[in-house]
Every structure is written in structure tokens, then in C-alpha cells.
Amino acid sequence: MGLITMGIEVATVNNEMLCDMEAMEALAWRMHQRMRKRYRNRVDARRKKQEALLNTLRACFGLKPV
């Protein structure tokens, strides 16, 4: 049984999206929208922290940092 048939929403993320911070931010916005929550950037030095989070996520998939 697939996750979709069990009623679980899934998001497809490809390698190009993992390399693009704007695409990952769009994915985060979409996830917040699905949860009916407001997406807010509440972090100082947002881009630096986004880059660190992106590289951590890429490391989880065994990819090199950007």
C-alpha cells in the first residue's frame, strides 16, 4: 500500500529542488498552507541559516553541500 492510498499527503522533492533554497522555501510554504498555518520567517540572518539547514538536509540524502 502506498502512502497516498492511506490518505497521507506526500511531496515529491528532486535533486534540483534540494540545490535551490527558493524551491525548498516554496515547499515549506506549501506545507504550512496544507496545515492551514501561516508561514513566517522569524529568524535573523535568514539566508545563512537557510543555507545551513539546506546543507544538513542534503547530507541526510548523502549529497554534497552547496
PDB file of N, CA and C in Angstrom:
ATOM      1  N   MET A   1       0.835  -1.188   0.000  1.00  0.00           N
ATOM      2  CA  MET A   1       0.000   0.000   0.000  1.00  0.00           C
ATOM      3  C   MET A   1       0.871   1.238   0.000  1.00  0.00           C
ATOM      4  N   GLY A   2       0.494   2.195  -0.802  1.00  0.00           N
ATOM      5  CA  GLY A   2       1.228   3.449  -0.845  1.00  0.00           C
ATOM      6  C   GLY A   2       0.705   4.423   0.194  1.00  0.00           C
ATOM      7  N   LEU A   3       1.513   5.417   0.482  1.00  0.00           N
ATOM      8  CA  LEU A   3       1.118   6.419   1.471  1.00  0.00           C
ATOM      9  C   LEU A   3      -0.103   7.209   1.016  1.00  0.00           C
ATOM     10  N   ILE A   4      -0.179   7.503  -0.279  1.00  0.00           N
ATOM     11  CA  ILE A   4      -1.306   8.278  -0.795  1.00  0.00           C
ATOM     12  C   ILE A   4      -2.607   7.511  -0.629  1.00  0.00           C
ATOM     13  N   THR A   5      -2.584   6.200  -0.878  1.00  0.00           N
ATOM     14  CA  THR A   5      -3.809   5.407  -0.736  1.00  0.00           C
ATOM     15  C   THR A   5      -4.230   5.313   0.725  1.00  0.00           C
ATOM     16  N   MET A   6      -3.312   5.547   1.641  1.00  0.00           N
ATOM     17  CA  MET A   6      -3.638   5.540   3.066  1.00  0.00           C
ATOM     18  C   MET A   6      -4.100   6.909   3.549  1.00  0.00           C
ATOM     19  N   GLY A   7      -4.191   7.899   2.628  1.00  0.00           N
ATOM     20  CA  GLY A   7      -4.673   9.220   2.987  1.00  0.00           C
ATOM     21  C   GLY A   7      -3.586  10.168   3.465  1.00  0.00           C
ATOM     22  N   ILE A   8      -2.332   9.792   3.271  1.00  0.00           N
ATOM     23  CA  ILE A   8      -1.215  10.637   3.693  1.00  0.00           C
ATOM     24  C   ILE A   8      -0.748  11.442   2.494  1.00  0.00           C
ATOM     25  N   GLU A   9      -0.651  12.757   2.682  1.00  0.00           N
ATOM     26  CA  GLU A   9      -0.178  13.609   1.589  1.00  0.00           C
ATOM     27  C   GLU A   9       1.332  13.516   1.499  1.00  0.00           C
ATOM     28  N   VAL A  10       1.840  13.422   0.288  1.00  0.00           N
ATOM     29  CA  VAL A  10       3.282  13.340   0.065  1.00  0.00           C
ATOM     30  C   VAL A  10       3.716  14.485  -0.844  1.00  0.00           C
ATOM     31  N   ALA A  11       4.964  14.870  -0.709  1.00  0.00           N
ATOM     32  CA  ALA A  11       5.540  15.910  -1.570  1.00  0.00           C
ATOM     33  C   ALA A  11       6.747  15.309  -2.268  1.00  0.00           C
ATOM     34  N   THR A  12       6.807  15.492  -3.561  1.00  0.00           N
ATOM     35  CA  THR A  12       7.938  14.999  -4.332  1.00  0.00           C
ATOM     36  C   THR A  12       9.040  16.051  -4.320  1.00  0.00           C
ATOM     37  N   VAL A  13      10.219  15.623  -3.913  1.00  0.00           N
ATOM     38  CA  VAL A  13      11.374  16.515  -3.874  1.00  0.00           C
ATOM     39  C   VAL A  13      12.469  15.870  -4.708  1.00  0.00           C
ATOM     40  N   ASN A  14      12.956  16.612  -5.704  1.00  0.00           N
ATOM     41  CA  ASN A  14      14.015  16.071  -6.538  1.00  0.00           C
ATOM     42  C   ASN A  14      15.353  16.746  -6.218  1.00  0.00           C
ATOM     43  N   ASN A  15      16.412  16.302  -6.855  1.00  0.00           N
ATOM     44  CA  ASN A  15      17.752  16.820  -6.585  1.00  0.00           C
ATOM     45  C   ASN A  15      17.858  18.309  -6.886  1.00  0.00           C
ATOM     46  N   GLU A  16      17.197  18.761  -7.945  1.00  0.00           N
ATOM     47  CA  GLU A  16      17.240  20.179  -8.297  1.00  0.00           C
ATOM     48  C   GLU A  16      16.625  21.035  -7.200  1.00  0.00           C
ATOM     49  N   MET A  17      15.533  20.541  -6.603  1.00  0.00           N
ATOM     50  CA  MET A  17      14.910  21.281  -5.517  1.00  0.00           C
ATOM     51  C   MET A  17      15.813  21.331  -4.290  1.00  0.00           C
ATOM     52  N   LEU A  18      16.539  20.250  -4.033  1.00  0.00           N
ATOM     53  CA  LEU A  18      17.440  20.229  -2.884  1.00  0.00           C
ATOM     54  C   LEU A  18      18.597  21.205  -3.053  1.00  0.00           C
ATOM     55  N   CYS A  19      18.904  21.569  -4.282  1.00  0.00           N
ATOM     56  CA  CYS A  19      20.001  22.507  -4.555  1.00  0.00           C
ATOM     57  C   CYS A  19      19.524  23.956  -4.561  1.00  0.00           C
ATOM     58  N   ASP A  20      18.233  24.174  -4.542  1.00  0.00           N
ATOM     59  CA  ASP A  20      17.673  25.516  -4.685  1.00  0.00           C
ATOM     60  C   ASP A  20      16.957  25.936  -3.411  1.00  0.00           C
ATOM     61  N   MET A  21      17.501  26.945  -2.723  1.00  0.00           N
ATOM     62  CA  MET A  21      16.895  27.395  -1.467  1.00  0.00           C
ATOM     63  C   MET A  21      15.491  27.943  -1.673  1.00  0.00           C
ATOM     64  N   GLU A  22      15.262  28.640  -2.772  1.00  0.00           N
ATOM     65  CA  GLU A  22      13.935  29.194  -3.026  1.00  0.00           C
ATOM     66  C   GLU A  22      12.907  28.080  -3.217  1.00  0.00           C
ATOM     67  N   ALA A  23      13.314  26.998  -3.872  1.00  0.00           N
ATOM     68  CA  ALA A  23      12.404  25.864  -4.066  1.00  0.00           C
ATOM     69  C   ALA A  23      12.085  25.197  -2.731  1.00  0.00           C
ATOM     70  N   MET A  24      13.079  25.084  -1.861  1.00  0.00           N
ATOM     71  CA  MET A  24      12.831  24.490  -0.543  1.00  0.00           C
ATOM     72  C   MET A  24      11.936  25.398   0.301  1.00  0.00           C
ATOM     73  N   GLU A  25      12.128  26.705   0.155  1.00  0.00           N
ATOM     74  CA  GLU A  25      11.271  27.644   0.869  1.00  0.00           C
ATOM     75  C   GLU A  25       9.841  27.547   0.353  1.00  0.00           C
ATOM     76  N   ALA A  26       9.672  27.377  -0.958  1.00  0.00           N
ATOM     77  CA  ALA A  26       8.334  27.204  -1.533  1.00  0.00           C
ATOM     78  C   ALA A  26       7.685  25.926  -1.020  1.00  0.00           C
ATOM     79  N   LEU A  27       8.477  24.875  -0.863  1.00  0.00           N
ATOM     80  CA  LEU A  27       7.958  23.624  -0.306  1.00  0.00           C
ATOM     81  C   LEU A  27       7.510  23.826   1.141  1.00  0.00           C
ATOM     82  N   ALA A  28       8.311  24.546   1.926  1.00  0.00           N
ATOM     83  CA  ALA A  28       7.940  24.833   3.319  1.00  0.00           C
ATOM     84  C   ALA A  28       6.652  25.649   3.366  1.00  0.00           C
ATOM     85  N   TRP A  29       6.531  26.631   2.462  1.00  0.00           N
ATOM     86  CA  TRP A  29       5.323  27.448   2.413  1.00  0.00           C
ATOM     87  C   TRP A  29       4.107  26.585   2.087  1.00  0.00           C
ATOM     88  N   ARG A  30       4.284  25.665   1.133  1.00  0.00           N
ATOM     89  CA  ARG A  30       3.180  24.786   0.744  1.00  0.00           C
ATOM     90  C   ARG A  30       2.767  23.857   1.890  1.00  0.00           C
ATOM     91  N   MET A  31       3.755  23.371   2.633  1.00  0.00           N
ATOM     92  CA  MET A  31       3.445  22.508   3.777  1.00  0.00           C
ATOM     93  C   MET A  31       2.675  23.285   4.844  1.00  0.00           C
ATOM     94  N   HIS A  32       3.091  24.514   5.101  1.00  0.00           N
ATOM     95  CA  HIS A  32       2.371  25.343   6.068  1.00  0.00           C
ATOM     96  C   HIS A  32       0.947  25.617   5.583  1.00  0.00           C
ATOM     97  N   GLN A  33       0.810  25.863   4.297  1.00  0.00           N
ATOM     98  CA  GLN A  33      -0.509  26.127   3.725  1.00  0.00           C
ATOM     99  C   GLN A  33      -1.422  24.918   3.896  1.00  0.00           C
ATOM    100  N   ARG A  34      -0.887  23.723   3.654  1.00  0.00           N
ATOM    101  CA  ARG A  34      -1.682  22.494   3.811  1.00  0.00           C
ATOM    102  C   ARG A  34      -2.115  22.280   5.266  1.00  0.00           C
ATOM    103  N   MET A  35      -1.266  22.719   6.201  1.00  0.00           N
ATOM    104  CA  MET A  35      -1.599  22.593   7.625  1.00  0.00           C
ATOM    105  C   MET A  35      -2.463  23.750   8.113  1.00  0.00           C
ATOM    106  N   ARG A  36      -2.777  24.666   7.177  1.00  0.00           N
ATOM    107  CA  ARG A  36      -3.559  25.864   7.482  1.00  0.00           C
ATOM    108  C   ARG A  36      -2.880  26.713   8.551  1.00  0.00           C
ATOM    109  N   LYS A  37      -1.574  26.831   8.418  1.00  0.00           N
ATOM    110  CA  LYS A  37      -0.762  27.671   9.307  1.00  0.00           C
ATOM    111  C   LYS A  37      -0.153  28.786   8.480  1.00  0.00           C
ATOM    112  N   ARG A  38       0.148  29.876   9.125  1.00  0.00           N
ATOM    113  CA  ARG A  38       0.785  30.991   8.435  1.00  0.00           C
ATOM    114  C   ARG A  38       2.294  30.773   8.406  1.00  0.00           C
ATOM    115  N   TYR A  39       2.894  30.927   7.241  1.00  0.00           N
ATOM    116  CA  TYR A  39       4.343  30.767   7.102  1.00  0.00           C
ATOM    117  C   TYR A  39       5.007  32.099   7.384  1.00  0.00           C
ATOM    118  N   ARG A  40       5.863  32.112   8.402  1.00  0.00           N
ATOM    119  CA  ARG A  40       6.567  33.333   8.771  1.00  0.00           C
ATOM    120  C   ARG A  40       8.048  33.044   8.904  1.00  0.00           C
ATOM    121  N   ASN A  41       8.851  33.946   8.398  1.00  0.00           N
ATOM    122  CA  ASN A  41      10.293  33.867   8.601  1.00  0.00           C
ATOM    123  C   ASN A  41      10.614  34.684   9.847  1.00  0.00           C
ATOM    124  N   ARG A  42      10.949  34.005  10.937  1.00  0.00           N
ATOM    125  CA  ARG A  42      11.189  34.705  12.197  1.00  0.00           C
ATOM    126  C   ARG A  42      12.645  34.607  12.628  1.00  0.00           C
ATOM    127  N   VAL A  43      13.536  34.500  11.684  1.00  0.00           N
ATOM    128  CA  VAL A  43      14.935  34.251  12.009  1.00  0.00           C
ATOM    129  C   VAL A  43      15.800  35.395  11.490  1.00  0.00           C
ATOM    130  N   ASP A  44      16.699  35.863  12.341  1.00  0.00           N
ATOM    131  CA  ASP A  44      17.691  36.840  11.880  1.00  0.00           C
ATOM    132  C   ASP A  44      18.704  36.106  11.019  1.00  0.00           C
ATOM    133  N   ALA A  45      19.291  36.803  10.080  1.00  0.00           N
ATOM    134  CA  ALA A  45      20.264  36.204   9.156  1.00  0.00           C
ATOM    135  C   ALA A  45      19.658  34.965   8.499  1.00  0.00           C
ATOM    136  N   ARG A  46      18.471  35.142   7.961  1.00  0.00           N
ATOM    137  CA  ARG A  46      17.674  34.037   7.427  1.00  0.00           C
ATOM    138  C   ARG A  46      18.405  33.231   6.361  1.00  0.00           C
ATOM    139  N   ARG A  47      19.037  33.881   5.422  1.00  0.00           N
ATOM    140  CA  ARG A  47      19.686  33.148   4.332  1.00  0.00           C
ATOM    141  C   ARG A  47      20.827  32.270   4.822  1.00  0.00           C
ATOM    142  N   LYS A  48      21.616  32.752   5.782  1.00  0.00           N
ATOM    143  CA  LYS A  48      22.704  31.930   6.323  1.00  0.00           C
ATOM    144  C   LYS A  48      22.154  30.669   6.973  1.00  0.00           C
ATOM    145  N   LYS A  49      21.108  30.837   7.766  1.00  0.00           N
ATOM    146  CA  LYS A  49      20.518  29.686   8.445  1.00  0.00           C
ATOM    147  C   LYS A  49      19.828  28.763   7.453  1.00  0.00           C
ATOM    148  N   GLN A  50      19.212  29.338   6.409  1.00  0.00           N
ATOM    149  CA  GLN A  50      18.596  28.504   5.384  1.00  0.00           C
ATOM    150  C   GLN A  50      19.648  27.659   4.686  1.00  0.00           C
ATOM    151  N   GLU A  51      20.790  28.264   4.395  1.00  0.00           N
ATOM    152  CA  GLU A  51      21.861  27.528   3.729  1.00  0.00           C
ATOM    153  C   GLU A  51      22.355  26.380   4.606  1.00  0.00           C
ATOM    154  N   ALA A  52      22.494  26.632   5.912  1.00  0.00           N
ATOM    155  CA  ALA A  52      22.930  25.583   6.837  1.00  0.00           C
ATOM    156  C   ALA A  52      21.893  24.457   6.897  1.00  0.00           C
ATOM    157  N   LEU A  53      20.613  24.815   6.963  1.00  0.00           N
ATOM    158  CA  LEU A  53      19.557  23.801   7.004  1.00  0.00           C
ATOM    159  C   LEU A  53      19.504  23.008   5.703  1.00  0.00           C
ATOM    160  N   LEU A  54      19.666  23.701   4.577  1.00  0.00           N
ATOM    161  CA  LEU A  54      19.663  23.033   3.280  1.00  0.00           C
ATOM    162  C   LEU A  54      20.804  22.027   3.191  1.00  0.00           C
ATOM    163  N   ASN A  55      21.989  22.434   3.635  1.00  0.00           N
ATOM    164  CA  ASN A  55      23.131  21.527   3.590  1.00  0.00           C
ATOM    165  C   ASN A  55      22.956  20.338   4.532  1.00  0.00           C
ATOM    166  N   THR A  56      22.319  20.548   5.667  1.00  0.00           N
ATOM    167  CA  THR A  56      22.018  19.441   6.573  1.00  0.00           C
ATOM    168  C   THR A  56      21.039  18.471   5.918  1.00  0.00           C
ATOM    169  N   LEU A  57      20.024  19.013   5.261  1.00  0.00           N
ATOM    170  CA  LEU A  57      19.050  18.174   4.565  1.00  0.00           C
ATOM    171  C   LEU A  57      19.723  17.399   3.437  1.00  0.00           C
ATOM    172  N   ARG A  58      20.593  18.066   2.684  1.00  0.00           N
ATOM    173  CA  ARG A  58      21.320  17.392   1.601  1.00  0.00           C
ATOM    174  C   ARG A  58      22.199  16.281   2.158  1.00  0.00           C
ATOM    175  N   ALA A  59      22.816  16.511   3.318  1.00  0.00           N
ATOM    176  CA  ALA A  59      23.668  15.485   3.941  1.00  0.00           C
ATOM    177  C   ALA A  59      22.844  14.256   4.319  1.00  0.00           C
ATOM    178  N   CYS A  60      21.605  14.459   4.717  1.00  0.00           N
ATOM    179  CA  CYS A  60      20.730  13.323   5.055  1.00  0.00           C
ATOM    180  C   CYS A  60      20.494  12.430   3.847  1.00  0.00           C
ATOM    181  N   PHE A  61      20.515  13.031   2.665  1.00  0.00           N
ATOM    182  CA  PHE A  61      20.327  12.265   1.431  1.00  0.00           C
ATOM    183  C   PHE A  61      21.648  11.806   0.825  1.00  0.00           C
ATOM    184  N   GLY A  62      22.754  12.077   1.523  1.00  0.00           N
ATOM    185  CA  GLY A  62      24.061  11.648   1.038  1.00  0.00           C
ATOM    186  C   GLY A  62      24.612  12.541  -0.061  1.00  0.00           C
ATOM    187  N   LEU A  63      24.121  13.764  -0.153  1.00  0.00           N
ATOM    188  CA  LEU A  63      24.575  14.698  -1.176  1.00  0.00           C
ATOM    189  C   LEU A  63      25.597  15.666  -0.603  1.00  0.00           C
ATOM    190  N   LYS A  64      26.408  16.251  -1.464  1.00  0.00           N
ATOM    191  CA  LYS A  64      27.425  17.206  -1.043  1.00  0.00           C
ATOM    192  C   LYS A  64      26.763  18.558  -0.742  1.00  0.00           C
ATOM    193  N   PRO A  65      27.362  19.344   0.155  1.00  0.00           N
ATOM    194  CA  PRO A  65      26.798  20.666   0.437  1.00  0.00           C
ATOM    195  C   PRO A  65      26.910  21.598  -0.761  1.00  0.00           C
ATOM    196  N   VAL A  66      26.050  22.593  -0.790  1.00  0.00           N
ATOM    197  CA  VAL A  66      26.026  23.546  -1.896  1.00  0.00           C
ATOM    198  C   VAL A  66      27.054  24.625  -1.626  1.00  0.00           C
TER     199      VAL A  66
END
